[in-house]
Protein backbone atom coordinates (compact mmCIF):
# COMPACT_ATOMS: atom_id res chain seq x y z
CA UNK A 1 -0.26 0.01 -0.04
CA UNK A 2 3.30 2.21 0.97
CA UNK A 3 4.36 1.72 -2.51
CA UNK A 4 0.88 2.53 -4.11
CA UNK A 5 0.93 6.07 -2.09
CA UNK A 6 4.83 6.80 -3.20
CA UNK A 7 3.95 5.87 -6.57
CA UNK A 8 1.20 8.25 -6.73
CA UNK A 9 4.25 11.35 -5.92
CA UNK A 10 6.11 13.59 -7.86
CA UNK A 11 10.05 13.59 -7.67
CA UNK A 12 9.67 16.82 -5.19
CA UNK A 13 7.24 15.45 -2.82
CA UNK A 14 9.33 11.69 -2.86
CA UNK A 15 12.44 13.80 -2.46
CA UNK A 16 10.60 15.26 1.02
CA UNK A 17 9.52 12.11 2.66
CA UNK A 18 12.93 10.92 1.64
CA UNK A 19 14.52 13.29 3.69
CA UNK A 20 12.06 12.93 6.50
CA UNK A 21 12.34 9.03 6.33
CA UNK A 22 16.13 9.36 6.94
CA UNK A 23 15.89 11.97 9.65
CA UNK A 24 13.31 9.66 11.51
CA UNK A 25 15.59 6.69 10.81
CA UNK A 26 18.61 8.79 12.19
CA UNK A 27 16.94 9.43 15.68
CA UNK A 28 16.08 6.43 16.20
CA UNK A 29 19.41 4.78 15.79
CA UNK A 30 20.80 7.72 17.71
CA UNK A 31 17.85 6.49 20.64
CA UNK A 32 19.32 2.88 20.51
CA UNK A 33 23.08 3.91 19.61
CA UNK A 34 24.48 2.69 23.36
CA UNK A 35 22.39 -0.86 23.47
CA UNK A 36 25.03 -1.58 20.67
CA UNK A 37 28.11 -0.89 19.75
CA UNK A 38 27.26 -2.61 16.36
CA UNK A 39 24.19 0.04 16.18
CA UNK A 40 26.31 3.05 16.80
CA UNK A 41 28.92 2.17 14.38
CA UNK A 42 25.75 1.74 11.96
CA UNK A 43 24.37 4.91 13.44
CA UNK A 44 27.79 6.79 12.11
CA UNK A 45 27.85 5.73 8.38
CA UNK A 46 23.87 6.43 8.37
CA UNK A 47 24.77 10.40 8.63
CA UNK A 48 27.08 10.13 6.44
CA UNK A 49 24.39 8.41 3.92
CA UNK A 50 21.64 10.81 4.78
CA UNK A 51 24.27 13.80 4.28
CA UNK A 52 25.25 13.02 0.58
CA UNK A 53 21.50 12.18 -0.24
CA UNK A 54 20.73 16.10 0.94
CA UNK A 55 23.67 17.25 -1.03
CA UNK A 56 22.63 15.71 -3.90
CA UNK A 57 18.85 16.44 -3.71
CA UNK A 58 19.43 20.06 -2.86
CA UNK A 59 21.89 20.41 -5.92
CA UNK A 60 19.21 18.75 -7.85
CA UNK A 61 16.18 20.67 -6.91
CA UNK A 62 18.42 24.19 -6.99
CA UNK A 63 20.05 23.38 -10.75
CA UNK A 64 16.28 22.06 -11.51
CA UNK A 65 13.91 24.78 -10.22
CA UNK A 66 16.47 27.29 -11.14
CA UNK A 67 14.86 29.25 -7.18
CA UNK A 68 17.63 29.18 -4.63
CA UNK A 69 15.94 30.82 -2.08
CA UNK A 70 13.05 28.62 -2.73
CA UNK A 71 15.26 25.37 -2.16
CA UNK A 72 16.59 27.24 0.69
CA UNK A 73 14.02 27.64 2.57
CA UNK A 74 12.15 24.29 1.19
CA UNK A 75 15.95 21.87 3.04
CA UNK A 76 15.39 23.90 5.68
CA UNK A 77 12.01 23.28 6.77
CA UNK A 78 10.60 20.35 5.70
CA UNK A 79 6.87 20.87 6.77
CA UNK A 80 6.60 23.84 4.02
CA UNK A 81 4.27 23.99 1.86
CA UNK A 82 6.48 24.02 -0.96
CA UNK A 83 6.89 20.60 -1.20
CA UNK A 84 3.40 20.20 -2.04
CA UNK A 85 3.03 22.40 -4.64
CA UNK A 86 2.33 21.17 -7.99
CA UNK A 87 4.20 23.93 -9.45
CA UNK A 88 7.45 22.93 -8.52
CA UNK A 89 7.03 19.24 -9.38
CA UNK A 90 5.82 20.57 -13.11
CA UNK A 91 9.20 22.87 -13.22
CA UNK A 92 10.92 20.20 -12.19
CA UNK A 93 9.14 17.57 -14.76
CA UNK A 94 9.91 20.08 -17.59
CA UNK A 95 13.69 20.30 -16.48
CA UNK A 96 14.71 16.88 -16.37
CA UNK A 97 12.23 15.53 -19.05
CA UNK A 98 13.05 11.96 -20.08
CA UNK A 99 14.68 11.43 -16.82
CA UNK A 100 12.17 12.33 -14.57
CA UNK A 101 11.08 9.04 -14.21
CA UNK A 102 14.13 7.27 -13.63
CA UNK A 103 14.78 9.70 -10.82
CA UNK A 104 11.22 9.43 -8.92
CA UNK A 105 11.96 5.52 -9.17
CA UNK A 106 15.83 6.03 -8.07
CA UNK A 107 14.05 8.13 -4.75
CA UNK A 108 11.16 5.49 -4.11
CA UNK A 109 13.88 2.93 -3.90
CA UNK A 110 15.99 4.85 -1.05
CA UNK A 111 12.64 5.58 0.45
CA UNK A 112 12.35 1.70 0.60
CA UNK A 113 15.36 1.01 2.11
CA UNK A 114 15.17 3.29 4.72
CA UNK A 115 11.97 2.52 5.67
CA UNK A 116 13.41 -1.59 5.57
CA UNK A 117 16.22 -0.24 8.12
CA UNK A 118 13.77 1.82 10.30
CA UNK A 119 11.77 -1.74 10.52
CA UNK A 120 14.71 -3.44 11.63
CA UNK A 121 15.05 -1.90 14.99
CA UNK A 122 11.75 -3.06 15.81
CA UNK A 123 13.81 -5.05 18.20
CA UNK A 124 14.74 -2.46 20.70
CA UNK A 125 11.60 -1.67 21.43
CA UNK A 126 11.18 -3.91 24.17
CA UNK A 127 14.26 -1.95 25.62
CA UNK A 128 11.53 1.27 25.50
CA UNK A 129 8.64 -0.60 26.99
CA UNK A 130 10.78 -1.81 29.87
CA UNK A 131 11.97 1.85 30.24
CA UNK A 132 11.14 3.47 34.41
CA UNK A 133 10.11 7.14 34.79
CA UNK A 134 12.55 9.53 34.10
CA UNK A 135 15.04 6.71 33.67
CA UNK A 136 17.65 7.11 30.41
CA UNK A 137 17.10 4.61 27.42
CA UNK A 138 20.94 4.14 27.93
CA UNK A 139 20.55 3.04 31.79
CA UNK A 140 17.24 1.25 30.96
CA UNK A 141 19.79 -0.83 29.06
CA UNK A 142 22.33 -1.21 31.98
CA UNK A 143 19.56 -2.42 34.21
CA UNK A 144 18.05 -4.90 32.09
CA UNK A 145 21.76 -6.43 31.57
CA UNK A 146 22.11 -10.24 30.74
CA UNK A 147 18.22 -10.96 31.31
CA UNK A 148 17.30 -9.46 27.86
CA UNK A 149 17.99 -11.06 24.64
CA UNK A 150 18.11 -8.78 21.15
CA UNK A 151 18.12 -10.23 17.75
CA UNK A 152 19.40 -7.65 15.63
CA UNK A 153 20.58 -8.32 11.65
CA UNK A 154 23.40 -7.07 11.12
CA UNK A 155 24.12 -8.35 7.50
CA UNK A 156 20.63 -6.92 6.66
CA UNK A 157 21.55 -3.80 8.10
CA UNK A 158 24.94 -3.51 6.41
CA UNK A 159 23.59 -4.27 3.10
CA UNK A 160 20.63 -2.01 3.47
CA UNK A 161 23.93 0.56 4.09
CA UNK A 162 25.52 -0.67 1.18
CA UNK A 163 22.52 0.06 -1.29
CA UNK A 164 22.01 3.63 0.10
CA UNK A 165 25.74 4.17 -1.17
CA UNK A 166 25.04 2.54 -4.29
CA UNK A 167 22.06 5.03 -4.80
CA UNK A 168 23.68 7.86 -3.72
CA UNK A 169 26.32 7.61 -6.22
CA UNK A 170 23.85 6.78 -8.73
CA UNK A 171 21.71 9.87 -7.87
CA UNK A 172 24.93 12.28 -7.83
CA UNK A 173 25.95 10.73 -11.66
CA UNK A 174 22.14 11.27 -12.88
CA UNK A 175 22.10 14.94 -11.63
CA UNK A 176 25.56 15.36 -12.92
CA UNK A 177 24.83 14.17 -16.23
CA UNK A 178 21.38 16.04 -16.43
CA UNK A 179 23.11 19.28 -15.57
CA UNK A 180 25.53 18.65 -18.46
CA UNK A 181 22.58 17.96 -20.81
CA UNK A 182 21.21 21.20 -19.72
CA UNK A 183 24.13 23.78 -20.70
CA UNK A 184 23.93 24.97 -24.66
CA UNK A 185 26.67 23.36 -26.62
CA UNK A 186 29.17 25.28 -27.50
CA UNK A 187 30.62 25.84 -30.45
CA UNK A 188 34.39 23.82 -31.39
CA UNK A 189 37.22 26.70 -30.08
CA UNK A 190 38.70 28.20 -33.92
CA UNK A 191 41.85 28.57 -33.63
CA UNK A 192 43.46 31.94 -33.72
CA UNK A 193 45.52 32.35 -36.80
CA UNK A 194 48.19 35.20 -36.92
CA UNK A 195 47.46 38.45 -39.39
CA UNK A 196 47.40 37.53 -42.37
CA UNK A 197 47.97 33.69 -41.49
CA UNK A 198 46.77 32.23 -44.93
CA UNK A 199 48.79 34.46 -46.74
CA UNK A 200 52.32 33.16 -45.74
CA UNK A 201 52.80 32.20 -50.06
CA UNK A 202 52.25 35.49 -50.68
CA UNK A 203 54.56 37.00 -48.44
CA UNK A 204 57.32 34.65 -49.40
CA UNK A 205 56.77 34.92 -52.90
CA UNK A 206 56.67 39.16 -52.58
CA UNK A 207 59.85 38.70 -50.29
CA UNK A 208 62.02 36.67 -52.47
CA UNK A 209 60.63 39.31 -55.29
CA UNK A 210 62.12 42.02 -53.17
CA UNK A 211 65.26 40.39 -52.79
CA UNK A 212 65.87 39.81 -56.49
CA UNK A 213 64.59 43.40 -56.55
CA UNK A 214 67.34 45.23 -54.59
CA UNK A 215 69.91 43.12 -55.82
CA UNK A 216 69.51 44.09 -59.58
CA UNK A 217 68.86 48.01 -58.85
CA UNK A 218 71.61 48.50 -56.05
CA UNK A 219 73.71 51.41 -56.06
CA UNK A 220 75.48 53.36 -53.85
CA UNK A 221 77.10 56.65 -54.97
CA UNK A 222 79.25 56.97 -51.41
CA UNK A 223 82.68 55.60 -51.60
CA UNK A 224 83.15 55.58 -47.86
CA UNK A 225 80.33 52.85 -47.46
CA UNK A 226 81.96 49.82 -47.88
CA UNK A 227 79.63 47.20 -46.41
CA UNK A 228 75.50 47.72 -46.62
CA UNK A 229 73.34 45.58 -44.52
CA UNK A 230 69.13 45.39 -45.68
CA UNK A 231 67.17 44.33 -43.12
CA UNK A 232 64.05 42.91 -43.85
CA UNK A 233 61.42 42.90 -40.84
CA UNK A 234 59.34 40.08 -39.59
CA UNK A 235 56.43 42.54 -39.04
CA UNK A 236 54.42 41.68 -41.97
CA UNK A 237 50.77 42.85 -43.56
CA UNK A 238 48.82 41.49 -46.61
CA UNK A 239 45.90 44.03 -47.58
CA UNK A 240 43.76 43.43 -51.17
CA UNK A 241 46.76 42.85 -53.45
CA UNK A 242 49.23 44.34 -51.77
CA UNK A 243 52.40 42.42 -49.00
CA UNK A 244 53.65 45.45 -47.26
CA UNK A 245 57.18 45.07 -45.64
CA UNK A 246 59.46 47.08 -43.78
CA UNK A 247 63.01 47.28 -44.34
CA UNK A 248 65.69 49.18 -43.17
CA UNK A 249 69.31 49.70 -44.64
CA UNK A 250 72.70 49.77 -42.47
CA UNK A 251 75.01 51.09 -43.58
CA UNK A 252 79.14 51.03 -42.48
CA UNK A 253 81.69 53.23 -44.31
CA UNK A 254 85.17 54.03 -43.06
CA UNK A 255 84.56 57.33 -41.26
CA UNK A 256 83.30 57.49 -37.76
CA UNK A 257 84.12 54.92 -34.72
CA UNK A 258 84.05 51.41 -34.60
CA UNK A 259 80.56 49.90 -34.32
CA UNK A 260 78.74 53.39 -35.75
CA UNK A 261 76.34 52.90 -38.70
CA UNK A 262 73.42 55.13 -40.15
CA UNK A 263 69.76 52.91 -40.56
CA UNK A 264 67.44 54.46 -43.08
CA UNK A 265 63.77 52.66 -42.57
CA UNK A 266 61.65 52.26 -45.28
CA UNK A 267 58.11 50.65 -46.20
CA UNK A 268 57.73 48.42 -49.43
CA UNK A 269 54.65 47.34 -50.53
CA UNK A 270 55.43 45.16 -53.22
CA UNK A 271 52.42 44.01 -55.87
CA UNK A 272 52.24 40.94 -58.03
CA UNK A 273 51.85 42.32 -61.70
CA UNK A 274 50.39 40.62 -65.22
CA UNK A 275 53.06 42.33 -67.82
CA UNK A 276 51.27 42.40 -71.39
CA UNK A 277 54.88 42.18 -74.04
CA UNK A 278 53.01 44.46 -76.26
CA UNK A 279 52.75 48.00 -73.88
CA UNK A 280 56.44 47.37 -72.76
CA UNK A 281 58.17 50.81 -72.34
CA UNK A 282 60.60 51.32 -74.96
CA UNK A 283 64.04 49.61 -74.13
CA UNK A 284 66.81 52.55 -73.70
CA UNK A 285 69.65 52.92 -76.34
CA UNK A 286 72.35 50.75 -76.31
CA UNK A 287 75.40 51.73 -74.35
CA UNK A 288 78.76 51.75 -76.68
CA UNK A 289 80.48 51.60 -73.14
CA UNK A 290 82.11 47.49 -72.02
CA UNK A 291 79.41 47.64 -68.96
CA UNK A 292 75.47 47.39 -68.97
CA UNK A 293 74.38 50.30 -66.19
CA UNK A 294 72.73 48.12 -63.62
CA UNK A 295 69.00 49.02 -62.97
CA UNK A 296 67.99 51.78 -60.29
CA UNK A 297 65.46 53.13 -58.94
CA UNK A 298 63.31 54.31 -60.77
CA UNK A 299 61.87 57.95 -60.12
CA UNK A 300 58.58 58.89 -58.48
CA UNK A 301 55.83 59.13 -61.47
CA UNK A 302 53.21 61.21 -60.46
CA UNK A 303 50.87 58.41 -60.29
CA UNK A 304 52.87 56.76 -57.73
CA UNK A 305 53.21 59.79 -55.91
CA UNK A 306 49.64 60.12 -55.73
CA UNK A 307 49.58 56.60 -54.12
CA UNK A 308 51.01 58.97 -50.59
CA UNK A 309 52.79 61.95 -49.78
CA UNK A 310 56.31 59.94 -48.81
CA UNK A 311 56.18 57.70 -51.90
CA UNK A 312 59.80 57.65 -53.21
CA UNK A 313 59.83 55.48 -56.23
CA UNK A 314 58.87 52.04 -57.04
CA UNK A 315 60.97 49.47 -58.55
CA UNK A 316 59.66 46.60 -61.34
CA UNK A 317 61.05 43.10 -62.06
CA UNK A 318 60.44 40.63 -64.54
CA UNK A 319 61.77 37.34 -63.50
CA UNK A 320 59.98 34.04 -63.00
CA UNK A 321 57.40 36.59 -60.78
CA UNK A 322 57.19 40.06 -62.33
CA UNK A 323 56.67 42.45 -59.42
CA UNK A 324 56.42 46.14 -58.47
CA UNK A 325 57.92 47.37 -55.48
CA UNK A 326 57.06 50.81 -54.49
CA UNK A 327 59.19 52.29 -51.63
CA UNK A 328 57.47 54.64 -48.85
CA UNK A 329 59.48 56.63 -45.77
CA UNK A 330 58.70 55.49 -42.51
CA UNK A 331 58.49 57.75 -39.46
CA UNK A 332 61.83 58.91 -38.50
CA UNK A 333 63.01 57.06 -41.75
CA UNK A 334 67.15 58.39 -41.05
CA UNK A 335 68.76 58.14 -37.50
CA UNK A 336 72.33 57.14 -36.63
CA UNK A 337 74.62 56.38 -34.46
CA UNK A 338 72.88 52.61 -33.51
CA UNK A 339 75.72 50.47 -32.00
CA UNK A 340 75.08 47.13 -33.60
CA UNK A 341 77.18 44.84 -31.99
CA UNK A 342 76.43 46.34 -28.43
CA UNK A 343 73.81 44.65 -25.84
CA UNK A 344 74.57 47.57 -23.09
CA UNK A 345 73.77 50.22 -25.76
CA UNK A 346 70.37 48.68 -25.58
CA UNK A 347 70.61 48.89 -29.55
CA UNK A 348 70.86 45.51 -31.70
CA UNK A 349 70.62 42.17 -30.70
CA UNK A 350 70.90 38.84 -31.76
CA UNK A 351 68.74 36.21 -31.34
CA UNK A 352 71.18 33.41 -29.97
CA UNK A 353 72.37 36.34 -27.26
CA UNK A 354 69.43 34.32 -24.76
CA UNK A 355 71.76 31.86 -24.73
CA UNK A 356 74.06 33.86 -23.49
CA UNK A 357 72.45 36.67 -20.78
CA UNK A 358 69.64 33.89 -19.72
CA UNK A 359 70.24 34.50 -16.18
CA UNK A 360 69.09 38.45 -16.22
CA UNK A 361 67.55 39.63 -19.02
CA UNK A 362 64.64 37.24 -20.47
CA UNK A 363 61.40 35.43 -18.95
CA UNK A 364 60.16 32.76 -19.27
CA UNK A 365 56.91 34.74 -20.81
CA UNK A 366 59.92 36.38 -23.06
CA UNK A 367 61.67 33.36 -24.27
CA UNK A 368 58.06 31.70 -24.90
CA UNK A 369 57.40 34.68 -27.47
CA UNK A 370 60.89 34.40 -28.88
CA UNK A 371 59.80 30.78 -30.02
CA UNK A 372 56.07 31.84 -30.86
CA UNK A 373 58.02 34.90 -33.03
CA UNK A 374 60.13 32.12 -34.79
CA UNK A 375 57.43 30.12 -36.02
CA UNK A 376 56.27 32.98 -37.93
CA UNK A 377 59.88 33.34 -39.23
CA UNK A 378 60.19 30.15 -40.84
CA UNK A 379 56.49 30.40 -42.45
CA UNK A 380 56.78 33.51 -44.06
CA UNK A 381 60.40 33.67 -45.17
CA UNK A 382 62.07 29.63 -46.02
CA UNK A 383 63.22 28.57 -48.87
CA UNK A 384 63.76 32.56 -49.83
CA UNK A 385 67.36 34.32 -49.95
CA UNK A 386 66.41 35.64 -46.56
CA UNK A 387 65.98 33.13 -44.57
CA UNK A 388 67.32 30.11 -46.55
CA UNK A 389 66.70 25.93 -46.14
CA UNK A 390 68.96 26.31 -43.42
CA UNK A 391 69.43 28.78 -40.61
CA UNK A 392 70.49 29.62 -37.58
CA UNK A 393 69.02 31.28 -34.29
CA UNK A 394 71.85 33.70 -34.84
CA UNK A 395 70.64 35.16 -38.25
CA UNK A 396 67.88 36.79 -36.57
CA UNK A 397 68.17 39.94 -34.62
CA UNK A 398 66.02 42.88 -33.13
CA UNK A 399 66.25 46.57 -31.32
CA UNK A 400 66.23 46.26 -27.56
CA UNK A 401 63.53 49.10 -26.72
CA UNK A 402 63.69 48.43 -23.25
CA UNK A 403 64.34 46.22 -20.17
CA UNK A 404 61.05 46.37 -18.66
CA UNK A 405 58.78 44.98 -21.67
CA UNK A 406 60.25 42.86 -24.55
CA UNK A 407 57.12 43.12 -26.42
CA UNK A 408 58.43 46.39 -28.67
CA UNK A 409 61.14 44.89 -29.35
CA UNK A 410 60.17 41.54 -30.71
CA UNK A 411 58.09 43.94 -33.03
CA UNK A 412 61.35 44.76 -34.52
CA UNK A 413 62.84 41.05 -35.11
CA UNK A 414 64.64 40.57 -38.65
CA UNK A 415 66.85 38.97 -41.27
CA UNK A 416 69.73 40.68 -42.43
CA UNK A 417 71.51 40.34 -45.67
CA UNK A 418 74.77 41.52 -46.69
CA UNK A 419 75.49 43.89 -49.78
CA UNK A 420 79.48 43.98 -50.17
CA UNK A 421 80.23 47.14 -52.18
CA UNK A 422 82.85 45.53 -53.77
CA UNK A 423 81.95 42.44 -54.99
CA UNK A 424 78.82 44.68 -56.32
CA UNK A 425 81.58 46.39 -58.19
CA UNK A 426 82.73 43.07 -60.17
CA UNK A 427 79.77 42.20 -60.85
CA UNK A 428 79.52 42.00 -64.80
CA UNK A 429 76.30 41.68 -67.19
CA UNK A 430 74.13 38.45 -66.26
CA UNK A 431 75.26 38.07 -63.35
CA UNK A 432 72.94 36.94 -60.09
CA UNK A 433 72.67 36.64 -56.36
CA UNK A 434 75.78 35.31 -55.32
CA UNK A 435 77.51 38.65 -54.59
CA UNK A 436 74.79 38.98 -51.28
CA UNK A 437 75.20 37.16 -48.61
CA UNK A 438 73.22 36.58 -45.83
CA UNK A 439 74.31 37.66 -42.48
CA UNK A 440 77.10 35.30 -41.57
CA UNK A 441 76.16 31.45 -40.87
CA UNK A 442 77.95 28.28 -41.37
CA UNK A 443 76.72 25.84 -44.47
CA UNK A 444 77.92 22.69 -43.08
CA UNK A 445 74.41 21.85 -43.07
CA UNK A 446 73.40 22.87 -46.20
CA UNK A 447 76.35 20.43 -47.42
CA UNK A 448 75.13 17.38 -46.01
CA UNK A 449 73.92 15.11 -48.34
CA UNK A 450 70.39 13.53 -49.09
CA UNK A 451 71.44 10.25 -47.27
CA UNK A 452 72.57 11.95 -44.35
CA UNK A 453 69.47 14.05 -44.22
CA UNK A 454 67.27 10.62 -44.65
CA UNK A 455 70.09 8.42 -42.34
CA UNK A 456 69.33 11.44 -39.46
CA UNK A 457 65.90 11.62 -39.54
CA UNK A 458 65.49 15.11 -41.05
CA UNK A 459 62.44 15.36 -43.26
CA UNK A 460 62.27 18.94 -43.33
CA UNK A 461 65.54 21.17 -43.04
CA UNK A 462 64.31 24.31 -41.99
CA UNK A 463 61.38 22.65 -39.76
CA UNK A 464 64.62 20.86 -38.25
CA UNK A 465 66.40 24.63 -37.68
CA UNK A 466 63.09 25.95 -36.03
CA UNK A 467 63.22 22.65 -33.68
CA UNK A 468 66.69 23.65 -32.97
CA UNK A 469 66.28 26.84 -32.13
CA UNK A 470 63.25 26.41 -29.75
CA UNK A 471 65.65 24.06 -27.78
CA UNK A 472 68.28 26.74 -27.95
CA UNK A 473 65.52 29.12 -26.53
CA UNK A 474 64.43 26.31 -24.02
CA UNK A 475 67.76 24.95 -22.82
CA UNK A 476 69.73 27.82 -23.08
CA UNK A 477 72.77 26.30 -24.51
CA UNK A 478 73.96 27.30 -28.05
CA UNK A 479 73.79 24.22 -30.69
CA UNK A 480 74.66 23.51 -34.18
CA UNK A 481 71.86 22.25 -36.42
CA UNK A 482 74.55 20.13 -38.13
CA UNK A 483 74.77 18.38 -34.88
CA UNK A 484 72.10 16.46 -35.26
CA UNK A 485 72.56 13.36 -33.08
CA UNK A 486 73.84 15.81 -29.63
CA UNK A 487 70.48 17.96 -30.89
CA UNK A 488 68.31 14.97 -30.63
CA UNK A 489 69.52 13.61 -27.06
CA UNK A 490 68.83 17.23 -25.69
CA UNK A 491 65.38 17.02 -27.35
CA UNK A 492 65.16 14.04 -25.20
CA UNK A 493 65.71 15.52 -21.52
CA UNK A 494 63.28 17.61 -19.50
CA UNK A 495 62.19 20.75 -20.82
CA UNK A 496 62.90 23.89 -18.50
CA UNK A 497 59.85 25.26 -20.44
CA UNK A 498 57.53 22.15 -19.66
CA UNK A 499 56.64 18.61 -21.33
CA UNK A 500 54.28 20.77 -23.90
CA UNK A 501 56.94 23.08 -25.16
CA UNK A 502 59.12 19.45 -25.38
CA UNK A 503 56.60 17.79 -27.57
CA UNK A 504 56.53 20.55 -30.28
CA UNK A 505 60.03 21.14 -30.24
CA UNK A 506 60.43 17.34 -30.99
CA UNK A 507 57.61 17.16 -33.60
CA UNK A 508 59.75 20.53 -35.59
CA UNK A 509 62.72 18.25 -34.95
CA UNK A 510 60.79 15.14 -36.31
CA UNK A 511 58.63 16.96 -38.72
CA UNK A 512 55.66 14.95 -37.25
CA UNK A 513 52.52 16.95 -38.25
CA UNK A 514 50.49 14.49 -40.20
CA UNK A 515 50.70 16.69 -43.92
CA UNK A 516 53.99 15.28 -45.22
CA UNK A 517 57.15 17.08 -45.46
CA UNK A 518 56.33 19.59 -48.17
CA UNK A 519 56.50 23.25 -46.41
CA UNK A 520 55.22 24.89 -49.15
CA UNK A 521 51.68 23.17 -49.28
CA UNK A 522 49.15 24.86 -46.97
CA UNK A 523 47.65 22.33 -45.15
CA UNK A 524 50.80 21.59 -43.76
CA UNK A 525 52.02 25.48 -42.87
CA UNK A 526 48.66 25.69 -40.82
CA UNK A 527 49.65 22.82 -38.69
CA UNK A 528 53.27 24.11 -37.30
CA UNK A 529 51.25 26.72 -36.77
CA UNK A 530 48.20 25.53 -34.56
CA UNK A 531 50.52 22.79 -33.40
CA UNK A 532 53.50 25.36 -32.47
CA UNK A 533 52.59 28.92 -32.35
CA UNK A 534 48.77 27.89 -31.10
CA UNK A 535 50.41 25.94 -27.84
CA UNK A 536 53.21 28.25 -26.86
CA UNK A 537 50.11 30.73 -26.85
CA UNK A 538 48.04 28.79 -24.83
CA UNK A 539 50.71 27.87 -22.52
CA UNK A 540 51.33 32.31 -21.91
CA UNK A 541 47.55 31.94 -21.86
CA UNK A 542 47.84 29.72 -18.57
CA UNK A 543 50.72 32.14 -16.73
CA UNK A 544 47.98 34.66 -17.14
CA UNK A 545 49.71 36.40 -20.30
CA UNK A 546 46.87 38.18 -22.48
CA UNK A 547 49.57 39.07 -25.70
CA UNK A 548 48.05 39.85 -28.90
CA UNK A 549 51.91 40.95 -30.23
């Protein structure tokens, strides 16, 4: 009959019945706990079962009814009218949906087990019947002593307690699942690509064409200048059909104190052109001299001058790909007195300096930012004369902008190409780029044969060099990319920047991204960026760094 009554109740009133049943059983066990050590242990265990059940019911009602104040009042007063209000149960039914019946059956089972345990305490009622006026039940039990025989089914009680624990676990599992199902489905996180990330190929083609244009058109009329460095900055932008790049010319001459140089900054906008052979400008008349004059920076046309007030001119280059490179003066385009080789002056710093000044200058976050910048360097400039297939950390530099925040400094990260004026004078007709060199770097790795690369497991040379550079930033130690065995051994050791950093380093060394080994393929480029740069950004976020640089 009791089961029929319970079956007609909703979940909310059933929860109220279950909590009151627990309270009644706990009260009786507390009363009879002095009659038997077994009853005392059962009482302690039941208190835990009861507390867990009440907490689960509180959470279930709060999450489903979305009225924390009303639920709190109900839990504090089991006789409150809210337990009987139909609208409460209707609200719970709407929230639980298809889980409503299972939840009701589970609470019914709990009430049934509690009632069975309560019935098992009936054997102790004889003690209460012998209790004298104003006598404590504990004293009654002592007075009756051995003259009273009570049969208490210990195993049955322990089985009941196990059933209650199982029911609590099931209720918790059901509640957690219901809560999760009620949450709106989140859209899969979109991995943020760097600005113009999908324009890596365009940037690389434009940078390669710019290099060719500078070599063909290079001319310096100042005899005092014996060496020139052209620096291409990492920060680039793909805007419509143009690729915007920033370069700087660093000239060393005979005059001035050691280390002195002139630095001129320019912005270049490169656009891929389709040339019509029938609309070409007339060729200049043949020169009677033995040496054909090199192409020079063309004067500013009215059209070019209208593009921007600081347009200086343009170079048109027709080779494998035709490009027009338009040059603009940057703000503060010329400044003197820099000391490119002196760190104390706070000016030009080679990236491999991180291995020498690790003790104080570069923090963990700084090193992670450096590593992230290197990923962009490889994706933008690999297989170009600016970076080459084989490269080293020392091939990159930046201008130190201040000791407090290196973010601005990293914005000046750049690659360098040296123009030797003496070599350029000796270049004749048909000369190519052999007279121009990247900033000095050993070429031993570039001379490694294909068989040696396969034997050493070098699947992609630029990514192998990236892995070595990441390892240097991690270990704060100089390493040579051609020391493949030493690099692989070092990569297996624990990382000072954590296991995730170690994982991405090993991925670069092995080119293990799941999209082959051809870095000219867009899929591999995206995989490298998302796996390496994305992981580095995640590591910085975990350190509380929100950086968009």
